[in-house]
Protein backbone atom coordinates (compact mmCIF):
# COMPACT_ATOMS: atom_id res chain seq x y z
CA MET A 1 0.31 0.34 -0.21
CA THR A 2 1.01 3.75 -0.92
CA ARG A 3 1.95 5.44 1.79
CA THR A 4 0.25 8.62 3.14
CA LEU A 5 1.62 12.03 2.30
CA ASN A 6 1.90 14.60 4.96
CA VAL A 7 1.12 17.81 3.90
CA ALA A 8 0.56 21.48 5.69
CA LEU A 9 -1.09 24.08 4.15
CA ALA A 10 -0.18 27.90 4.50
CA GLY A 11 -2.67 30.42 3.79
CA ALA A 12 -6.05 29.90 4.75
CA GLY A 13 -7.99 32.00 2.13
CA ALA A 14 -9.31 31.72 -0.72
CA PHE A 15 -6.78 30.15 -2.81
CA GLY A 16 -5.70 28.11 0.33
CA ILE A 17 -9.45 26.72 -0.37
CA LYS A 18 -9.32 25.87 -3.68
CA HIS A 19 -6.13 23.56 -2.78
CA LEU A 20 -8.00 21.98 0.01
CA ASP A 21 -11.06 21.27 -2.31
CA GLY A 22 -8.63 19.79 -5.09
CA ILE A 23 -6.94 17.53 -2.08
CA ARG A 24 -10.06 16.10 -1.27
CA ASN A 25 -10.22 14.38 -4.71
CA ILE A 26 -6.66 12.76 -4.60
CA ASP A 27 -5.80 9.71 -2.84
CA GLY A 28 -3.23 9.12 -0.34
CA VAL A 29 -3.21 12.53 0.94
CA LYS A 30 -3.78 13.80 4.00
CA VAL A 31 -3.40 18.10 5.34
CA VAL A 32 -2.74 17.55 8.71
CA SER A 33 -1.80 21.15 8.95
CA LEU A 34 -3.44 24.60 8.62
CA VAL A 35 -1.72 27.49 9.02
CA GLY A 36 -3.32 30.83 9.21
CA ARG A 37 -2.79 34.15 9.67
CA GLU A 38 -5.66 34.96 11.78
CA LEU A 39 -6.01 31.62 14.15
CA ASP A 40 -10.46 32.26 14.71
CA LYS A 41 -10.91 32.06 10.94
CA THR A 42 -8.01 29.61 10.35
CA ARG A 43 -9.82 27.28 12.80
CA GLU A 44 -13.09 27.64 10.82
CA VAL A 45 -11.67 26.29 7.76
CA ALA A 46 -9.58 23.71 9.24
CA ALA A 47 -12.85 22.38 10.89
CA LYS A 48 -14.44 22.36 8.09
CA TYR A 49 -12.02 19.98 6.04
CA GLY A 50 -10.96 18.10 9.28
CA ILE A 51 -7.84 19.59 9.59
CA ASP A 52 -6.77 18.76 13.49
CA HIS A 53 -3.53 20.92 13.71
CA VAL A 54 -4.17 24.82 13.11
CA THR A 55 -0.97 27.62 14.00
CA THR A 56 -0.27 30.90 12.66
CA ASP A 57 3.30 30.02 12.73
CA LEU A 58 4.67 28.19 9.24
CA ALA A 59 7.92 26.85 11.56
CA GLU A 60 5.35 24.76 14.34
CA SER A 61 3.89 22.50 10.91
CA LEU A 62 7.98 22.53 9.70
CA ALA A 63 8.46 20.81 13.39
CA LEU A 64 5.38 18.24 13.05
CA PRO A 65 6.63 14.59 13.02
CA GLY A 66 6.29 12.31 9.82
CA LEU A 67 5.13 16.18 7.84
CA ASP A 68 6.40 15.39 3.97
CA ALA A 69 5.53 18.35 1.92
CA VAL A 70 3.83 22.32 2.31
CA ILE A 71 1.77 24.09 0.01
CA LEU A 72 2.19 28.08 0.47
CA CYS A 73 -0.62 30.05 -0.58
CA THR A 74 0.55 33.32 1.46
CA PRO A 75 0.64 36.62 0.26
CA THR A 76 3.55 37.27 -2.46
CA GLN A 77 5.67 38.74 -0.14
CA MET A 78 6.29 35.59 1.69
CA HIS A 79 6.63 32.91 -0.47
CA ALA A 80 10.73 33.00 -1.44
CA ALA A 81 11.37 33.35 2.40
CA GLN A 82 8.99 30.64 3.34
CA ALA A 83 9.77 28.69 0.31
CA ILE A 84 13.40 28.52 1.30
CA GLN A 85 12.44 27.64 5.22
CA CYS A 86 10.16 24.74 3.83
CA LEU A 87 13.27 23.81 1.75
CA GLN A 88 15.90 24.18 4.59
CA ALA A 89 13.58 22.05 7.21
CA GLY A 90 13.98 18.91 4.95
CA LYS A 91 10.43 19.35 3.08
CA HIS A 92 8.90 18.98 -0.33
CA VAL A 93 7.25 22.26 -1.54
CA GLN A 94 4.80 24.04 -4.12
CA VAL A 95 4.47 27.58 -4.04
CA GLU A 96 1.61 29.09 -5.35
CA ILE A 97 2.02 31.75 -8.41
CA PRO A 98 4.49 33.65 -8.28
CA LEU A 99 7.40 32.39 -7.17
CA ALA A 100 8.53 35.36 -6.09
CA ASP A 101 8.59 39.56 -6.41
CA SER A 102 12.35 39.96 -7.47
CA ARG A 103 14.12 38.19 -9.92
CA ALA A 104 17.03 38.06 -7.14
CA ASP A 105 14.22 35.74 -4.34
CA ALA A 106 13.41 33.61 -7.85
CA GLN A 107 16.77 32.43 -7.74
CA ALA A 108 17.37 32.25 -4.82
CA VAL A 109 14.51 29.83 -4.53
CA ALA A 110 16.00 28.21 -7.25
CA ASP A 111 19.58 27.76 -5.54
CA ALA A 112 17.87 26.80 -2.32
CA GLN A 113 16.42 23.35 -4.55
CA ALA A 114 19.77 22.68 -5.80
CA ARG A 115 21.67 22.44 -2.40
CA THR A 116 18.66 20.18 -1.29
CA GLY A 117 17.43 17.93 -4.13
CA LEU A 118 13.97 18.78 -3.08
CA VAL A 119 11.04 18.90 -4.98
CA ALA A 120 10.04 22.62 -5.21
CA MET A 121 7.27 23.66 -7.78
CA CYS A 122 5.16 26.58 -8.82
CA GLY A 123 2.13 27.09 -8.81
CA HIS A 124 1.52 27.85 -12.79
CA THR A 125 -1.42 26.66 -13.14
CA ARG A 126 -2.30 27.46 -16.86
CA ARG A 127 0.09 24.35 -17.83
CA PHE A 128 -2.00 22.20 -16.22
CA ASN A 129 -5.56 23.18 -17.14
CA PRO A 130 -7.08 20.60 -19.63
CA SER A 131 -7.51 23.29 -22.24
CA HIS A 132 -4.10 24.27 -22.46
CA GLN A 133 -3.05 21.08 -22.09
CA TRP A 134 -4.82 19.68 -25.19
CA VAL A 135 -3.24 22.82 -27.12
CA ARG A 136 -0.28 21.31 -25.50
CA ARG A 137 -0.36 17.99 -27.46
CA ARG A 138 -0.87 19.04 -30.90
CA ILE A 139 1.94 21.85 -30.71
CA VAL A 140 3.90 18.06 -29.46
CA ALA A 141 2.74 16.21 -32.28
CA GLY A 142 3.34 18.86 -34.52
CA GLU A 143 -0.36 19.17 -35.57
CA PHE A 144 -0.32 22.76 -34.32
CA ASN A 145 2.56 25.83 -34.14
CA ILE A 146 2.15 29.20 -32.50
CA GLN A 147 2.32 33.04 -34.38
CA GLN A 148 0.19 34.69 -31.75
CA MET A 149 -0.99 34.68 -28.64
CA ASP A 150 -3.62 37.67 -27.57
CA VAL A 151 -4.31 37.26 -23.95
CA GLN A 152 -6.54 39.26 -21.50
CA THR A 153 -6.90 39.42 -17.93
CA TYR A 154 -9.43 41.55 -16.58
CA PHE A 155 -10.70 42.12 -12.99
CA PHE A 156 -12.99 44.77 -11.19
CA ARG A 157 -10.75 45.47 -8.41
CA ARG A 158 -10.61 49.28 -6.74
CA THR A 159 -9.99 47.99 -3.58
CA ASN A 160 -7.98 45.14 -1.94
CA MET A 161 -10.10 42.80 -1.61
CA ASN A 162 -9.68 38.83 -2.41
CA ALA A 163 -11.70 36.35 -5.03
CA LEU A 164 -13.88 35.23 -1.53
CA GLY A 165 -14.83 39.20 -1.27
CA GLN A 166 -12.88 39.92 1.99
CA PRO A 167 -9.85 42.34 2.58
CA ARG A 168 -6.39 41.43 1.42
CA SER A 169 -3.19 41.92 3.98
CA TRP A 170 -1.12 42.35 0.88
CA ILE A 171 -1.70 44.04 -2.28
CA ASP A 172 -2.00 42.25 -5.66
CA HIS A 173 -0.33 43.38 -8.92
CA LEU A 174 -0.55 42.38 -12.07
CA LEU A 175 2.84 42.27 -13.41
CA TRP A 176 4.20 39.38 -10.86
CA ASN A 177 0.91 38.27 -9.65
CA HIS A 178 -0.86 38.16 -13.74
CA ALA A 179 1.52 38.61 -15.94
CA ALA A 180 2.91 35.63 -14.84
CA HIS A 181 0.69 33.28 -15.89
CA THR A 182 1.13 34.33 -19.14
CA VAL A 183 4.63 35.00 -19.59
CA ASP A 184 5.00 31.27 -18.60
CA LEU A 185 2.65 30.17 -20.23
CA PHE A 186 3.71 31.25 -23.99
CA ALA A 187 6.86 30.31 -23.58
CA TYR A 188 5.90 26.96 -22.84
CA GLN A 189 3.74 26.54 -25.52
CA ALA A 190 5.93 28.03 -27.97
CA GLY A 191 8.77 25.94 -27.05
CA SER A 192 11.15 28.72 -27.62
CA PRO A 193 12.45 31.57 -25.06
CA ILE A 194 11.32 34.74 -24.76
CA VAL A 195 14.30 36.99 -26.10
CA LYS A 196 12.08 40.44 -26.51
CA ALA A 197 9.87 42.10 -24.51
CA ASN A 198 8.15 45.26 -23.71
CA ALA A 199 5.46 46.82 -21.37
CA ILE A 200 3.73 50.00 -20.54
CA GLN A 201 1.65 50.93 -17.79
CA GLY A 202 -1.38 53.81 -17.08
CA PRO A 203 -1.79 55.49 -13.85
CA ILE A 204 -0.54 54.54 -10.53
CA HIS A 205 -3.75 54.24 -8.32
CA PRO A 206 -3.52 57.11 -5.25
CA ALA A 207 -4.24 54.29 -2.18
CA LEU A 208 -3.13 50.80 -3.26
CA GLY A 209 0.20 52.47 -5.15
CA ILE A 210 0.18 50.43 -8.28
CA ALA A 211 -0.47 50.32 -11.82
CA MET A 212 -4.02 49.29 -12.61
CA ASP A 213 -3.90 49.12 -16.21
CA MET A 214 -0.71 47.12 -18.40
CA SER A 215 -0.07 46.17 -21.64
CA ILE A 216 3.04 43.47 -22.32
CA GLN A 217 4.52 42.53 -25.51
CA LEU A 218 6.63 39.21 -26.18
CA LYS A 219 8.54 38.08 -28.62
CA ALA A 220 9.75 34.01 -28.54
CA ALA A 221 13.39 32.65 -30.75
CA ASN A 222 11.50 31.31 -33.10
CA GLY A 223 9.07 34.08 -34.03
CA ALA A 224 6.16 33.13 -32.10
CA ILE A 225 4.61 37.19 -30.38
CA CYS A 226 2.10 37.03 -27.92
CA THR A 227 0.58 40.34 -26.75
CA LEU A 228 -0.82 40.45 -22.73
CA SER A 229 -3.61 43.32 -21.93
CA LEU A 230 -4.01 43.45 -17.71
CA SER A 231 -6.63 45.66 -16.06
CA PHE A 232 -7.95 46.13 -12.53
CA ASN A 233 -10.71 48.50 -14.03
CA ASN A 234 -12.36 46.24 -16.40
CA ASP A 235 -16.20 45.98 -15.29
CA GLY A 236 -16.80 42.46 -17.14
CA PRO A 237 -16.30 40.12 -18.27
CA LEU A 238 -13.60 38.92 -15.35
CA GLY A 239 -11.09 36.44 -16.01
CA THR A 240 -8.38 35.74 -17.98
CA PHE A 241 -8.58 35.00 -21.54
CA PHE A 242 -6.02 33.36 -24.17
CA ARG A 243 -6.56 32.95 -28.13
CA TYR A 244 -4.01 30.80 -29.66
CA ILE A 245 -3.37 31.75 -33.44
CA GLY A 246 -1.63 29.25 -36.00
CA ASP A 247 -0.62 27.67 -38.81
CA THR A 248 -3.68 25.13 -38.68
CA GLY A 249 -6.46 26.44 -36.27
CA THR A 250 -7.30 29.42 -33.80
CA TYR A 251 -8.53 28.66 -30.18
CA ILE A 252 -9.99 30.42 -27.79
CA ALA A 253 -8.81 29.12 -23.91
CA ARG A 254 -10.95 30.23 -20.99
CA TYR A 255 -9.69 28.27 -17.97
CA ASP A 256 -10.50 24.87 -18.10
CA ASP A 257 -12.67 25.43 -20.98
CA LEU A 258 -11.63 25.28 -24.54
CA TYR A 259 -13.19 26.83 -27.89
CA THR A 260 -12.36 27.01 -31.40
CA GLY A 261 -11.94 30.29 -33.42
CA LYS A 262 -15.91 30.70 -33.88
CA ASP A 263 -16.76 29.58 -30.84
CA GLU A 264 -17.28 25.79 -30.96
CA LYS A 265 -16.91 24.69 -27.66
CA ILE A 266 -14.31 21.67 -27.96
CA ASP A 267 -14.72 18.46 -25.52
CA VAL A 268 -11.67 18.24 -23.70
CA SER A 269 -13.09 16.59 -20.28
CA GLY A 270 -10.90 13.68 -21.57
CA VAL A 271 -7.60 15.47 -21.35
CA ASP A 272 -6.89 14.23 -17.84
CA VAL A 273 -8.43 12.90 -14.59
CA SER A 274 -10.54 16.19 -13.73
CA MET A 275 -11.12 19.60 -15.13
CA ASN A 276 -10.03 21.15 -12.20
CA GLY A 277 -6.69 23.31 -12.95
CA ILE A 278 -5.64 23.16 -9.40
CA GLU A 279 -6.32 19.78 -8.78
CA LEU A 280 -3.77 18.66 -11.45
CA GLN A 281 -1.77 21.01 -10.14
CA ASP A 282 -1.61 19.51 -7.13
CA ARG A 283 -1.58 15.86 -8.27
CA GLU A 284 1.91 16.62 -10.32
CA PHE A 285 3.22 17.98 -7.16
CA PHE A 286 2.79 15.07 -4.87
CA ALA A 287 3.31 12.67 -8.19
CA ALA A 288 6.65 14.06 -8.46
CA ILE A 289 7.40 13.44 -4.75
CA ARG A 290 6.74 9.85 -4.84
CA GLU A 291 8.51 9.02 -7.98
CA GLY A 292 11.62 11.29 -7.32
CA ARG A 293 11.40 13.34 -10.30
CA GLU A 294 11.64 16.90 -11.44
CA PRO A 295 7.42 17.98 -11.73
CA ASN A 296 5.80 19.80 -14.34
CA ALA A 297 6.26 23.95 -12.89
CA SER A 298 9.08 23.32 -11.16
CA VAL A 299 10.88 26.53 -10.04
CA ARG A 300 13.69 25.46 -12.54
CA GLN A 301 11.45 25.66 -14.95
CA VAL A 302 9.61 28.51 -13.89
CA LEU A 303 12.97 30.63 -13.95
CA PRO A 304 13.10 31.98 -16.68
CA CYS A 305 9.41 33.77 -16.54
CA TYR A 306 10.94 35.57 -13.50
CA GLU A 307 13.65 37.42 -15.54
CA VAL A 308 11.19 38.29 -18.07
CA LEU A 309 9.27 40.35 -15.31
CA GLY A 310 12.27 41.44 -13.86
CA GLN A 311 13.48 42.94 -16.67
CA LEU A 312 9.95 44.14 -17.76
CA GLU A 313 9.64 46.04 -14.17
CA LYS A 314 12.76 47.43 -15.09
CA GLN A 315 11.85 48.97 -18.02
CA LEU A 316 8.22 50.05 -15.79
CA ASN A 317 10.35 51.42 -13.32
CA ASP A 318 12.43 53.36 -15.36
């Protein structure tokens, strides 16, 4: 019988709950500890999911006997330091996107993984969504090549609230939090490194201190291009929408769903064991631990994304 993997989850907010829902469907994995900022609220979530250990201190969870791995769904500014903390404690770690909010911190996590040899993965969920997996399979089979990706990431977020409509303890960011998905996916699907990257941004919000609108252009070494528009000012429809324009077709991905360029739905239900991208991401993390291999979306694999984001940030600051 396969040994149960004991996992701690840090971050009891909107994304932490998405991971808890996904893990419920995965055999041989048990969440044994939940780490949160506010103890009472964390206890409420833990009770709903049958988690016995609750704390506000990640170090306390890391000291639990028999703990194998940690999933970090904490504020972005904590990701790199906490990932290194987990690796130094001998625990495999999955960090929700983004890996870090600086190129240097992302590299520091990659260096820690190299020293320890443990599984270290970042939550680049678009690699796992069935819609994008379907396109990926056509690319790998030589049946489709990307000429252009046109991506829209649109929210209406003029106050500091999370996906559940609750106040955040940190401020979201279009570049490091949201552009990371597309920058990584474009290079991954194009099968070619990004060699040109440009960005412009709109006015800075007087209270939040961030740009509410941004435009990014990317070019891969093989000639494929990507245009990404991001906004916190868009009043619907909300979400991220990917248009793949290729040599043999056009496809539109809306999270786990996929359509042709003529808006005909493509059945992707048989692509993987679930239609839930976050569940599939977690399945890959646990499988890599069991099999002693590098996972898809490993820290090493996604590091070039953070190199590009660092270049774009420098452009915007200059």
